[in-house]
Structures are given as C-alpha cells and as structure tokens.
Amino acid sequence: METYKELRARKLADPGIRAEYERLNREEFALLDEMLAARRAAGLTEAELAQRMGTKAPAITRLERSLASRGSMV
C-alpha cells in the first residue's frame, strides 16, 4: 500500500495533474491574500473578522499562518 507522500508524488509526476494542482493552489492563496489585505484595510482584528464570519479567531489565525508559511503575507 502506498503512503500519502508516495501517492502524491506519483500523481504530481503527471504534468496535467501538476498544472491543475498548482493552479488551484495559486487561486486558494490569492483568495487568502485578498482576505488578509481586506481585514487589515478595514482595521479589523482576527477576532472581529471571525465574529463577522461566524467562526472563531483561531480559524482566522490558522488561515493567516498558512499564508505566512508560504511566504505570501500581504
């Protein structure tokens, strides 16, 4: 049985699959970049944004950390 890493590597070796994976990744992080920029422009804290979105502040923190880990903080 393949591990997740092995399966992922095998699938991403296909140029078509890799291109789609990268496209989706770019779109996802572009949306998160826009969300962060909008939050900052509105002067909202993570807690205020979370309340408006009907979630909790740690969820916003995780989203923003995912941006930081990819080096795409606005």
PDB file of N, CA and C in Angstrom:
ATOM      1  N   MET A   1       0.840  -1.180   0.000  1.00  0.00           N
ATOM      2  CA  MET A   1       0.000   0.000   0.000  1.00  0.00           C
ATOM      3  C   MET A   1       0.888   1.249   0.000  1.00  0.00           C
ATOM      4  N   GLU A   2       0.536   2.210  -0.863  1.00  0.00           N
ATOM      5  CA  GLU A   2       1.293   3.450  -0.953  1.00  0.00           C
ATOM      6  C   GLU A   2       0.976   4.370   0.224  1.00  0.00           C
ATOM      7  N   THR A   3       1.990   5.104   0.634  1.00  0.00           N
ATOM      8  CA  THR A   3       1.746   6.147   1.630  1.00  0.00           C
ATOM      9  C   THR A   3       1.177   7.354   0.897  1.00  0.00           C
ATOM     10  N   TYR A   4       0.671   8.298   1.651  1.00  0.00           N
ATOM     11  CA  TYR A   4       0.154   9.528   1.054  1.00  0.00           C
ATOM     12  C   TYR A   4       1.249  10.233   0.255  1.00  0.00           C
ATOM     13  N   LYS A   5       2.436  10.334   0.830  1.00  0.00           N
ATOM     14  CA  LYS A   5       3.539  11.019   0.145  1.00  0.00           C
ATOM     15  C   LYS A   5       3.886  10.340  -1.175  1.00  0.00           C
ATOM     16  N   GLU A   6       3.898   9.020  -1.178  1.00  0.00           N
ATOM     17  CA  GLU A   6       4.208   8.282  -2.406  1.00  0.00           C
ATOM     18  C   GLU A   6       3.132   8.491  -3.465  1.00  0.00           C
ATOM     19  N   LEU A   7       1.882   8.400  -3.047  1.00  0.00           N
ATOM     20  CA  LEU A   7       0.776   8.602  -3.975  1.00  0.00           C
ATOM     21  C   LEU A   7       0.802  10.024  -4.544  1.00  0.00           C
ATOM     22  N   ARG A   8       1.009  10.996  -3.685  1.00  0.00           N
ATOM     23  CA  ARG A   8       1.069  12.391  -4.117  1.00  0.00           C
ATOM     24  C   ARG A   8       2.196  12.595  -5.119  1.00  0.00           C
ATOM     25  N   ALA A   9       3.360  12.080  -4.819  1.00  0.00           N
ATOM     26  CA  ALA A   9       4.499  12.222  -5.731  1.00  0.00           C
ATOM     27  C   ALA A   9       4.216  11.562  -7.074  1.00  0.00           C
ATOM     28  N   ARG A  10       3.609  10.404  -7.040  1.00  0.00           N
ATOM     29  CA  ARG A  10       3.296   9.691  -8.287  1.00  0.00           C
ATOM     30  C   ARG A  10       2.284  10.476  -9.114  1.00  0.00           C
ATOM     31  N   LYS A  11       1.249  10.971  -8.473  1.00  0.00           N
ATOM     32  CA  LYS A  11       0.216  11.724  -9.190  1.00  0.00           C
ATOM     33  C   LYS A  11       0.764  13.050  -9.723  1.00  0.00           C
ATOM     34  N   LEU A  12       1.580  13.732  -8.931  1.00  0.00           N
ATOM     35  CA  LEU A  12       2.113  15.026  -9.362  1.00  0.00           C
ATOM     36  C   LEU A  12       3.194  14.889 -10.436  1.00  0.00           C
ATOM     37  N   ALA A  13       3.617  13.678 -10.705  1.00  0.00           N
ATOM     38  CA  ALA A  13       4.561  13.453 -11.800  1.00  0.00           C
ATOM     39  C   ALA A  13       3.865  13.628 -13.154  1.00  0.00           C
ATOM     40  N   ASP A  14       2.542  13.525 -13.159  1.00  0.00           N
ATOM     41  CA  ASP A  14       1.751  13.737 -14.381  1.00  0.00           C
ATOM     42  C   ASP A  14       1.649  15.253 -14.605  1.00  0.00           C
ATOM     43  N   PRO A  15       2.140  15.761 -15.749  1.00  0.00           N
ATOM     44  CA  PRO A  15       2.138  17.211 -15.991  1.00  0.00           C
ATOM     45  C   PRO A  15       0.751  17.849 -15.924  1.00  0.00           C
ATOM     46  N   GLY A  16      -0.275  17.164 -16.391  1.00  0.00           N
ATOM     47  CA  GLY A  16      -1.627  17.714 -16.342  1.00  0.00           C
ATOM     48  C   GLY A  16      -2.133  17.860 -14.925  1.00  0.00           C
ATOM     49  N   ILE A  17      -1.891  16.836 -14.113  1.00  0.00           N
ATOM     50  CA  ILE A  17      -2.317  16.876 -12.717  1.00  0.00           C
ATOM     51  C   ILE A  17      -1.534  17.947 -11.977  1.00  0.00           C
ATOM     52  N   ARG A  18      -0.222  18.023 -12.218  1.00  0.00           N
ATOM     53  CA  ARG A  18       0.612  19.036 -11.549  1.00  0.00           C
ATOM     54  C   ARG A  18       0.133  20.436 -11.905  1.00  0.00           C
ATOM     55  N   ALA A  19      -0.166  20.704 -13.171  1.00  0.00           N
ATOM     56  CA  ALA A  19      -0.606  22.028 -13.597  1.00  0.00           C
ATOM     57  C   ALA A  19      -1.905  22.422 -12.891  1.00  0.00           C
ATOM     58  N   GLU A  20      -2.847  21.492 -12.807  1.00  0.00           N
ATOM     59  CA  GLU A  20      -4.121  21.781 -12.135  1.00  0.00           C
ATOM     60  C   GLU A  20      -3.917  21.988 -10.643  1.00  0.00           C
ATOM     61  N   TYR A  21      -3.075  21.184 -10.025  1.00  0.00           N
ATOM     62  CA  TYR A  21      -2.761  21.314  -8.601  1.00  0.00           C
ATOM     63  C   TYR A  21      -2.176  22.698  -8.315  1.00  0.00           C
ATOM     64  N   GLU A  22      -1.235  23.116  -9.151  1.00  0.00           N
ATOM     65  CA  GLU A  22      -0.601  24.419  -8.959  1.00  0.00           C
ATOM     66  C   GLU A  22      -1.587  25.559  -9.202  1.00  0.00           C
ATOM     67  N   ARG A  23      -2.474  25.409 -10.185  1.00  0.00           N
ATOM     68  CA  ARG A  23      -3.476  26.439 -10.463  1.00  0.00           C
ATOM     69  C   ARG A  23      -4.413  26.610  -9.267  1.00  0.00           C
ATOM     70  N   LEU A  24      -4.883  25.497  -8.739  1.00  0.00           N
ATOM     71  CA  LEU A  24      -5.775  25.562  -7.584  1.00  0.00           C
ATOM     72  C   LEU A  24      -5.081  26.162  -6.373  1.00  0.00           C
ATOM     73  N   ASN A  25      -3.824  25.812  -6.185  1.00  0.00           N
ATOM     74  CA  ASN A  25      -3.047  26.342  -5.075  1.00  0.00           C
ATOM     75  C   ASN A  25      -2.913  27.859  -5.193  1.00  0.00           C
ATOM     76  N   ARG A  26      -2.600  28.345  -6.410  1.00  0.00           N
ATOM     77  CA  ARG A  26      -2.466  29.797  -6.626  1.00  0.00           C
ATOM     78  C   ARG A  26      -3.782  30.502  -6.321  1.00  0.00           C
ATOM     79  N   GLU A  27      -4.891  29.954  -6.794  1.00  0.00           N
ATOM     80  CA  GLU A  27      -6.198  30.570  -6.563  1.00  0.00           C
ATOM     81  C   GLU A  27      -6.545  30.611  -5.078  1.00  0.00           C
ATOM     82  N   GLU A  28      -6.281  29.512  -4.396  1.00  0.00           N
ATOM     83  CA  GLU A  28      -6.602  29.447  -2.968  1.00  0.00           C
ATOM     84  C   GLU A  28      -5.831  30.504  -2.200  1.00  0.00           C
ATOM     85  N   PHE A  29      -4.537  30.598  -2.460  1.00  0.00           N
ATOM     86  CA  PHE A  29      -3.733  31.538  -1.695  1.00  0.00           C
ATOM     87  C   PHE A  29      -3.952  32.974  -2.134  1.00  0.00           C
ATOM     88  N   ALA A  30      -4.363  33.203  -3.374  1.00  0.00           N
ATOM     89  CA  ALA A  30      -4.714  34.553  -3.814  1.00  0.00           C
ATOM     90  C   ALA A  30      -5.942  35.027  -3.037  1.00  0.00           C
ATOM     91  N   LEU A  31      -6.903  34.140  -2.844  1.00  0.00           N
ATOM     92  CA  LEU A  31      -8.107  34.479  -2.084  1.00  0.00           C
ATOM     93  C   LEU A  31      -7.748  34.795  -0.636  1.00  0.00           C
ATOM     94  N   LEU A  32      -6.883  33.997  -0.044  1.00  0.00           N
ATOM     95  CA  LEU A  32      -6.473  34.248   1.336  1.00  0.00           C
ATOM     96  C   LEU A  32      -5.700  35.563   1.439  1.00  0.00           C
ATOM     97  N   ASP A  33      -4.848  35.866   0.456  1.00  0.00           N
ATOM     98  CA  ASP A  33      -4.125  37.147   0.438  1.00  0.00           C
ATOM     99  C   ASP A  33      -5.116  38.312   0.415  1.00  0.00           C
ATOM    100  N   GLU A  34      -6.151  38.193  -0.409  1.00  0.00           N
ATOM    101  CA  GLU A  34      -7.166  39.254  -0.507  1.00  0.00           C
ATOM    102  C   GLU A  34      -7.918  39.418   0.810  1.00  0.00           C
ATOM    103  N   MET A  35      -8.240  38.292   1.452  1.00  0.00           N
ATOM    104  CA  MET A  35      -8.947  38.342   2.723  1.00  0.00           C
ATOM    105  C   MET A  35      -8.102  39.064   3.771  1.00  0.00           C
ATOM    106  N   LEU A  36      -6.827  38.743   3.839  1.00  0.00           N
ATOM    107  CA  LEU A  36      -5.947  39.368   4.815  1.00  0.00           C
ATOM    108  C   LEU A  36      -5.806  40.859   4.529  1.00  0.00           C
ATOM    109  N   ALA A  37      -5.620  41.222   3.273  1.00  0.00           N
ATOM    110  CA  ALA A  37      -5.488  42.633   2.916  1.00  0.00           C
ATOM    111  C   ALA A  37      -6.762  43.400   3.271  1.00  0.00           C
ATOM    112  N   ALA A  38      -7.923  42.787   3.005  1.00  0.00           N
ATOM    113  CA  ALA A  38      -9.193  43.442   3.316  1.00  0.00           C
ATOM    114  C   ALA A  38      -9.370  43.604   4.824  1.00  0.00           C
ATOM    115  N   ARG A  39      -8.982  42.574   5.581  1.00  0.00           N
ATOM    116  CA  ARG A  39      -9.094  42.667   7.043  1.00  0.00           C
ATOM    117  C   ARG A  39      -8.246  43.812   7.566  1.00  0.00           C
ATOM    118  N   ARG A  40      -7.018  43.892   7.082  1.00  0.00           N
ATOM    119  CA  ARG A  40      -6.122  44.952   7.535  1.00  0.00           C
ATOM    120  C   ARG A  40      -6.622  46.332   7.101  1.00  0.00           C
ATOM    121  N   ALA A  41      -7.092  46.433   5.865  1.00  0.00           N
ATOM    122  CA  ALA A  41      -7.594  47.718   5.355  1.00  0.00           C
ATOM    123  C   ALA A  41      -8.816  48.189   6.154  1.00  0.00           C
ATOM    124  N   ALA A  42      -9.636  47.248   6.598  1.00  0.00           N
ATOM    125  CA  ALA A  42     -10.829  47.581   7.378  1.00  0.00           C
ATOM    126  C   ALA A  42     -10.486  47.835   8.844  1.00  0.00           C
ATOM    127  N   GLY A  43      -9.237  47.542   9.228  1.00  0.00           N
ATOM    128  CA  GLY A  43      -8.822  47.748  10.613  1.00  0.00           C
ATOM    129  C   GLY A  43      -9.433  46.752  11.578  1.00  0.00           C
ATOM    130  N   LEU A  44      -9.773  45.564  11.075  1.00  0.00           N
ATOM    131  CA  LEU A  44     -10.378  44.534  11.920  1.00  0.00           C
ATOM    132  C   LEU A  44      -9.314  43.636  12.535  1.00  0.00           C
ATOM    133  N   THR A  45      -9.583  43.191  13.739  1.00  0.00           N
ATOM    134  CA  THR A  45      -8.730  42.176  14.349  1.00  0.00           C
ATOM    135  C   THR A  45      -9.172  40.811  13.831  1.00  0.00           C
ATOM    136  N   GLU A  46      -8.362  39.803  14.099  1.00  0.00           N
ATOM    137  CA  GLU A  46      -8.754  38.445  13.722  1.00  0.00           C
ATOM    138  C   GLU A  46     -10.060  38.056  14.422  1.00  0.00           C
ATOM    139  N   ALA A  47     -10.208  38.453  15.678  1.00  0.00           N
ATOM    140  CA  ALA A  47     -11.418  38.119  16.437  1.00  0.00           C
ATOM    141  C   ALA A  47     -12.648  38.799  15.838  1.00  0.00           C
ATOM    142  N   GLU A  48     -12.502  40.061  15.430  1.00  0.00           N
ATOM    143  CA  GLU A  48     -13.633  40.771  14.825  1.00  0.00           C
ATOM    144  C   GLU A  48     -14.035  40.135  13.495  1.00  0.00           C
ATOM    145  N   LEU A  49     -13.042  39.774  12.688  1.00  0.00           N
ATOM    146  CA  LEU A  49     -13.338  39.124  11.417  1.00  0.00           C
ATOM    147  C   LEU A  49     -14.009  37.774  11.651  1.00  0.00           C
ATOM    148  N   ALA A  50     -13.499  37.035  12.602  1.00  0.00           N
ATOM    149  CA  ALA A  50     -14.080  35.732  12.913  1.00  0.00           C
ATOM    150  C   ALA A  50     -15.545  35.873  13.320  1.00  0.00           C
ATOM    151  N   GLN A  51     -15.831  36.856  14.152  1.00  0.00           N
ATOM    152  CA  GLN A  51     -17.215  37.071  14.598  1.00  0.00           C
ATOM    153  C   GLN A  51     -18.106  37.377  13.388  1.00  0.00           C
ATOM    154  N   ARG A  52     -17.630  38.226  12.490  1.00  0.00           N
ATOM    155  CA  ARG A  52     -18.419  38.569  11.304  1.00  0.00           C
ATOM    156  C   ARG A  52     -18.628  37.367  10.388  1.00  0.00           C
ATOM    157  N   MET A  53     -17.655  36.448  10.389  1.00  0.00           N
ATOM    158  CA  MET A  53     -17.747  35.264   9.534  1.00  0.00           C
ATOM    159  C   MET A  53     -18.480  34.111  10.205  1.00  0.00           C
ATOM    160  N   GLY A  54     -18.795  34.286  11.484  1.00  0.00           N
ATOM    161  CA  GLY A  54     -19.489  33.222  12.208  1.00  0.00           C
ATOM    162  C   GLY A  54     -18.574  32.077  12.594  1.00  0.00           C
ATOM    163  N   THR A  55     -17.316  32.395  12.849  1.00  0.00           N
ATOM    164  CA  THR A  55     -16.354  31.371  13.261  1.00  0.00           C
ATOM    165  C   THR A  55     -15.593  31.896  14.471  1.00  0.00           C
ATOM    166  N   LYS A  56     -14.507  31.242  14.811  1.00  0.00           N
ATOM    167  CA  LYS A  56     -13.703  31.653  15.963  1.00  0.00           C
ATOM    168  C   LYS A  56     -12.344  32.170  15.491  1.00  0.00           C
ATOM    169  N   ALA A  57     -11.741  33.024  16.303  1.00  0.00           N
ATOM    170  CA  ALA A  57     -10.467  33.652  15.949  1.00  0.00           C
ATOM    171  C   ALA A  57      -9.372  32.642  15.592  1.00  0.00           C
ATOM    172  N   PRO A  58      -9.265  31.493  16.266  1.00  0.00           N
ATOM    173  CA  PRO A  58      -8.206  30.550  15.894  1.00  0.00           C
ATOM    174  C   PRO A  58      -8.307  30.068  14.437  1.00  0.00           C
ATOM    175  N   ALA A  59      -9.518  30.030  13.889  1.00  0.00           N
ATOM    176  CA  ALA A  59      -9.670  29.621  12.489  1.00  0.00           C
ATOM    177  C   ALA A  59      -9.027  30.667  11.571  1.00  0.00           C
ATOM    178  N   ILE A  60      -9.204  31.941  11.902  1.00  0.00           N
ATOM    179  CA  ILE A  60      -8.595  33.016  11.109  1.00  0.00           C
ATOM    180  C   ILE A  60      -7.079  32.971  11.276  1.00  0.00           C
ATOM    181  N   THR A  61      -6.632  32.734  12.481  1.00  0.00           N
ATOM    182  CA  THR A  61      -5.190  32.630  12.738  1.00  0.00           C
ATOM    183  C   THR A  61      -4.574  31.523  11.900  1.00  0.00           C
ATOM    184  N   ARG A  62      -5.228  30.367  11.831  1.00  0.00           N
ATOM    185  CA  ARG A  62      -4.702  29.252  11.030  1.00  0.00           C
ATOM    186  C   ARG A  62      -4.623  29.631   9.558  1.00  0.00           C
ATOM    187  N   LEU A  63      -5.651  30.301   9.044  1.00  0.00           N
ATOM    188  CA  LEU A  63      -5.622  30.732   7.647  1.00  0.00           C
ATOM    189  C   LEU A  63      -4.452  31.672   7.386  1.00  0.00           C
ATOM    190  N   GLU A  64      -4.294  32.646   8.267  1.00  0.00           N
ATOM    191  CA  GLU A  64      -3.226  33.618   8.072  1.00  0.00           C
ATOM    192  C   GLU A  64      -1.843  33.001   8.267  1.00  0.00           C
ATOM    193  N   ARG A  65      -1.742  32.034   9.144  1.00  0.00           N
ATOM    194  CA  ARG A  65      -0.459  31.335   9.307  1.00  0.00           C
ATOM    195  C   ARG A  65      -0.115  30.537   8.056  1.00  0.00           C
ATOM    196  N   SER A  66      -1.130  29.980   7.396  1.00  0.00           N
ATOM    197  CA  SER A  66      -0.856  29.237   6.181  1.00  0.00           C
ATOM    198  C   SER A  66      -0.278  30.158   5.119  1.00  0.00           C
ATOM    199  N   LEU A  67      -0.691  31.410   5.117  1.00  0.00           N
ATOM    200  CA  LEU A  67      -0.104  32.390   4.205  1.00  0.00           C
ATOM    201  C   LEU A  67       1.340  32.673   4.573  1.00  0.00           C
ATOM    202  N   ALA A  68       1.575  32.870   5.868  1.00  0.00           N
ATOM    203  CA  ALA A  68       2.921  33.188   6.321  1.00  0.00           C
ATOM    204  C   ALA A  68       3.887  32.044   6.006  1.00  0.00           C
ATOM    205  N   SER A  69       3.421  30.818   6.157  1.00  0.00           N
ATOM    206  CA  SER A  69       4.302  29.677   5.922  1.00  0.00           C
ATOM    207  C   SER A  69       4.657  29.537   4.444  1.00  0.00           C
ATOM    208  N   ARG A  70       3.849  30.137   3.575  1.00  0.00           N
ATOM    209  CA  ARG A  70       4.116  30.086   2.124  1.00  0.00           C
ATOM    210  C   ARG A  70       4.796  31.347   1.650  1.00  0.00           C
ATOM    211  N   GLY A  71       5.066  32.272   2.591  1.00  0.00           N
ATOM    212  CA  GLY A  71       5.757  33.490   2.220  1.00  0.00           C
ATOM    213  C   GLY A  71       4.929  34.460   1.410  1.00  0.00           C
ATOM    214  N   SER A  72       3.600  34.427   1.593  1.00  0.00           N
ATOM    215  CA  SER A  72       2.770  35.305   0.780  1.00  0.00           C
ATOM    216  C   SER A  72       1.906  36.234   1.629  1.00  0.00           C
ATOM    217  N   MET A  73       2.459  36.721   2.715  1.00  0.00           N
ATOM    218  CA  MET A  73       1.698  37.646   3.548  1.00  0.00           C
ATOM    219  C   MET A  73       1.628  39.000   2.858  1.00  0.00           C
ATOM    220  N   VAL A  74       0.443  39.574   2.857  1.00  0.00           N
ATOM    221  CA  VAL A  74       0.223  40.885   2.224  1.00  0.00           C
ATOM    222  C   VAL A  74       0.731  41.951   3.141  1.00  0.00           C
TER     223      VAL A  74
END
